[in-house]
Amino acid sequence: MIQKLDKWHKTKLGLLIFGLVELGLAYGFVSLAIDRGSFLYYAAALIFLIGALQNITKLVGAAAKRK
């Protein structure tokens, strides 16, 4: 099951969806961090933001290769 998810994650659609989900999670954790002032929420937001940026960068790279 994990291998199928990993294989799908490497597709363009998988990268897009994972990137958007991680961006949404980052937004949610930033909102919680501002509201509650917890460094743990800031750290989680940063981790999800980095993950989203990685997925979006890979998506752009895959789209550029195709052309």
C-alpha atoms as a PDB file:
ATOM      1  CA  MET A   1       0.000   0.000   0.000  1.00  0.00           C
ATOM      2  CA  ILE A   2       2.775   2.449   0.916  1.00  0.00           C
ATOM      3  CA  GLN A   3       4.660   1.581  -2.272  1.00  0.00           C
ATOM      4  CA  LYS A   4       1.567   2.322  -4.383  1.00  0.00           C
ATOM      5  CA  LEU A   5       1.137   5.666  -2.603  1.00  0.00           C
ATOM      6  CA  ASP A   6       4.814   6.501  -3.116  1.00  0.00           C
ATOM      7  CA  LYS A   7       4.571   5.626  -6.808  1.00  0.00           C
ATOM      8  CA  TRP A   8       1.434   7.774  -7.179  1.00  0.00           C
ATOM      9  CA  HIS A   9       3.062  10.621  -5.225  1.00  0.00           C
ATOM     10  CA  LYS A  10       5.754  10.839  -7.908  1.00  0.00           C
ATOM     11  CA  THR A  11       3.185  11.537 -10.643  1.00  0.00           C
ATOM     12  CA  LYS A  12       2.244  15.096 -11.611  1.00  0.00           C
ATOM     13  CA  LEU A  13      -1.199  14.795 -10.067  1.00  0.00           C
ATOM     14  CA  GLY A  14       0.255  13.281  -6.894  1.00  0.00           C
ATOM     15  CA  LEU A  15       2.802  16.082  -6.556  1.00  0.00           C
ATOM     16  CA  LEU A  16       0.097  18.693  -7.070  1.00  0.00           C
ATOM     17  CA  ILE A  17      -2.279  17.188  -4.527  1.00  0.00           C
ATOM     18  CA  PHE A  18       0.413  16.569  -1.913  1.00  0.00           C
ATOM     19  CA  GLY A  19       1.720  20.103  -2.422  1.00  0.00           C
ATOM     20  CA  LEU A  20      -1.721  21.656  -1.971  1.00  0.00           C
ATOM     21  CA  VAL A  21      -2.518  19.528   1.079  1.00  0.00           C
ATOM     22  CA  GLU A  22       0.806  20.407   2.706  1.00  0.00           C
ATOM     23  CA  LEU A  23       0.257  24.074   1.896  1.00  0.00           C
ATOM     24  CA  GLY A  24      -3.147  23.896   3.572  1.00  0.00           C
ATOM     25  CA  LEU A  25      -1.681  22.181   6.621  1.00  0.00           C
ATOM     26  CA  ALA A  26       1.074  24.802   6.808  1.00  0.00           C
ATOM     27  CA  TYR A  27      -1.559  27.553   6.721  1.00  0.00           C
ATOM     28  CA  GLY A  28      -3.524  25.845   9.479  1.00  0.00           C
ATOM     29  CA  PHE A  29      -0.477  25.432  11.702  1.00  0.00           C
ATOM     30  CA  VAL A  30       0.610  29.056  11.137  1.00  0.00           C
ATOM     31  CA  SER A  31      -2.865  30.145  12.165  1.00  0.00           C
ATOM     32  CA  LEU A  32      -2.671  28.012  15.308  1.00  0.00           C
ATOM     33  CA  ALA A  33       0.847  29.254  16.053  1.00  0.00           C
ATOM     34  CA  ILE A  34      -0.206  32.895  15.829  1.00  0.00           C
ATOM     35  CA  ASP A  35      -3.287  32.244  17.931  1.00  0.00           C
ATOM     36  CA  ARG A  36      -1.571  30.187  20.648  1.00  0.00           C
ATOM     37  CA  GLY A  37       2.035  31.334  20.383  1.00  0.00           C
ATOM     38  CA  SER A  38       3.461  27.828  20.418  1.00  0.00           C
ATOM     39  CA  PHE A  39       6.855  27.188  18.854  1.00  0.00           C
ATOM     40  CA  LEU A  40       5.742  23.613  18.158  1.00  0.00           C
ATOM     41  CA  TYR A  41       3.054  24.883  15.793  1.00  0.00           C
ATOM     42  CA  TYR A  42       5.574  27.171  14.092  1.00  0.00           C
ATOM     43  CA  ALA A  43       7.907  24.193  13.601  1.00  0.00           C
ATOM     44  CA  ALA A  44       5.102  22.060  12.146  1.00  0.00           C
ATOM     45  CA  ALA A  45       4.112  24.904   9.815  1.00  0.00           C
ATOM     46  CA  LEU A  46       7.696  25.253   8.639  1.00  0.00           C
ATOM     47  CA  ILE A  47       8.008  21.515   7.987  1.00  0.00           C
ATOM     48  CA  PHE A  48       4.789  21.443   5.954  1.00  0.00           C
ATOM     49  CA  LEU A  49       5.779  24.595   4.061  1.00  0.00           C
ATOM     50  CA  ILE A  50       9.122  23.060   3.082  1.00  0.00           C
ATOM     51  CA  GLY A  51       7.350  19.877   1.977  1.00  0.00           C
ATOM     52  CA  ALA A  52       4.873  21.864  -0.114  1.00  0.00           C
ATOM     53  CA  LEU A  53       7.671  23.841  -1.755  1.00  0.00           C
ATOM     54  CA  GLN A  54       9.549  20.625  -2.558  1.00  0.00           C
ATOM     55  CA  ASN A  55       6.492  19.082  -4.175  1.00  0.00           C
ATOM     56  CA  ILE A  56       5.711  22.197  -6.192  1.00  0.00           C
ATOM     57  CA  THR A  57       9.343  22.481  -7.311  1.00  0.00           C
ATOM     58  CA  LYS A  58       9.323  18.843  -8.436  1.00  0.00           C
ATOM     59  CA  LEU A  59       6.029  19.441 -10.257  1.00  0.00           C
ATOM     60  CA  VAL A  60       7.461  22.439 -12.135  1.00  0.00           C
ATOM     61  CA  GLY A  61      10.587  20.429 -12.981  1.00  0.00           C
ATOM     62  CA  ALA A  62       8.483  17.546 -14.304  1.00  0.00           C
ATOM     63  CA  ALA A  63       6.398  19.932 -16.391  1.00  0.00           C
ATOM     64  CA  ALA A  64       9.532  21.581 -17.813  1.00  0.00           C
ATOM     65  CA  LYS A  65      11.027  18.195 -18.775  1.00  0.00           C
ATOM     66  CA  ARG A  66       7.938  17.264 -20.727  1.00  0.00           C
ATOM     67  CA  LYS A  67       8.164  20.289 -23.035  1.00  0.00           C
END
